[in-house]
Amino acid sequence: MNIGFKIEEIMKSKNISQAELADKLGVQRQTVFRHLKRWKEGKEPSIRLLREWCDCLEFDYKKIFQ
């Protein structure tokens, strides 16, 4: 499973929408959508960005790679 799908799975399990995540991150919903799309296509986020998202989702970013 790639990072984009894993992040979406975490969001669903925590009932957090793209708009809610965008609010927590202080960005526009389109930014969240764009990043998720790229990540689902196989591109990888920077560790800084991944940690920021996982912190907002209250998820240990290291578990993404397990």
Protein backbone atom coordinates (compact mmCIF):
# COMPACT_ATOMS: atom_id res chain seq x y z
CA MET A 1 0.00 0.00 0.00
CA ASN A 2 1.40 3.40 -0.89
CA ILE A 3 1.46 6.43 1.36
CA GLY A 4 -1.53 8.20 -0.22
CA PHE A 5 -3.83 5.24 0.31
CA LYS A 6 -2.48 4.69 3.83
CA ILE A 7 -3.16 8.33 4.79
CA GLU A 8 -6.70 8.05 3.39
CA GLU A 9 -7.22 4.85 5.40
CA ILE A 10 -6.09 6.64 8.58
CA MET A 11 -8.38 9.59 7.81
CA LYS A 12 -11.35 7.25 7.33
CA SER A 13 -10.63 5.34 10.54
CA LYS A 14 -10.60 8.64 12.45
CA ASN A 15 -13.57 10.13 10.57
CA ILE A 16 -11.54 13.10 9.35
CA SER A 17 -12.44 14.63 6.00
CA GLN A 18 -10.03 16.36 3.65
CA ALA A 19 -11.58 19.68 4.66
CA GLU A 20 -11.09 18.95 8.36
CA LEU A 21 -7.48 17.89 7.80
CA ALA A 22 -6.89 21.04 5.75
CA ASP A 23 -8.22 23.15 8.66
CA LYS A 24 -5.89 21.39 11.10
CA LEU A 25 -2.94 21.89 8.76
CA GLY A 26 -3.85 25.50 8.01
CA VAL A 27 -4.03 24.90 4.24
CA GLN A 28 -6.77 24.79 1.62
CA ARG A 29 -8.68 21.58 0.98
CA GLN A 30 -7.37 21.58 -2.59
CA THR A 31 -3.82 21.34 -1.20
CA VAL A 32 -4.73 18.20 0.75
CA PHE A 33 -6.47 16.74 -2.31
CA ARG A 34 -3.48 17.52 -4.53
CA HIS A 35 -0.96 15.93 -2.15
CA LEU A 36 -3.09 12.81 -1.68
CA LYS A 37 -3.49 12.45 -5.44
CA ARG A 38 0.26 12.72 -6.03
CA TRP A 39 1.02 10.27 -3.25
CA LYS A 40 -1.51 7.76 -4.58
CA GLU A 41 0.23 8.05 -7.96
CA GLY A 42 3.47 6.92 -6.32
CA LYS A 43 5.20 10.17 -5.48
CA GLU A 44 6.58 10.37 -1.95
CA PRO A 45 6.16 13.22 0.54
CA SER A 46 9.02 14.77 2.43
CA ILE A 47 9.45 13.41 5.94
CA ARG A 48 8.65 16.88 7.31
CA LEU A 49 5.32 16.98 5.48
CA LEU A 50 4.48 13.38 6.38
CA ARG A 51 5.20 14.04 10.06
CA GLU A 52 3.07 17.20 10.00
CA TRP A 53 0.11 15.33 8.52
CA CYS A 54 0.50 12.38 10.89
CA ASP A 55 0.72 14.73 13.88
CA CYS A 56 -2.61 16.28 12.83
CA LEU A 57 -4.07 12.79 12.47
CA GLU A 58 -2.60 11.74 15.83
CA PHE A 59 -0.79 8.85 14.14
CA ASP A 60 2.85 7.75 14.48
CA TYR A 61 4.38 8.47 11.08
CA LYS A 62 6.82 5.56 11.47
CA LYS A 63 3.89 3.12 11.32
CA ILE A 64 3.19 4.26 7.74
CA PHE A 65 6.19 2.21 6.66
CA GLN A 66 5.22 -0.98 8.48
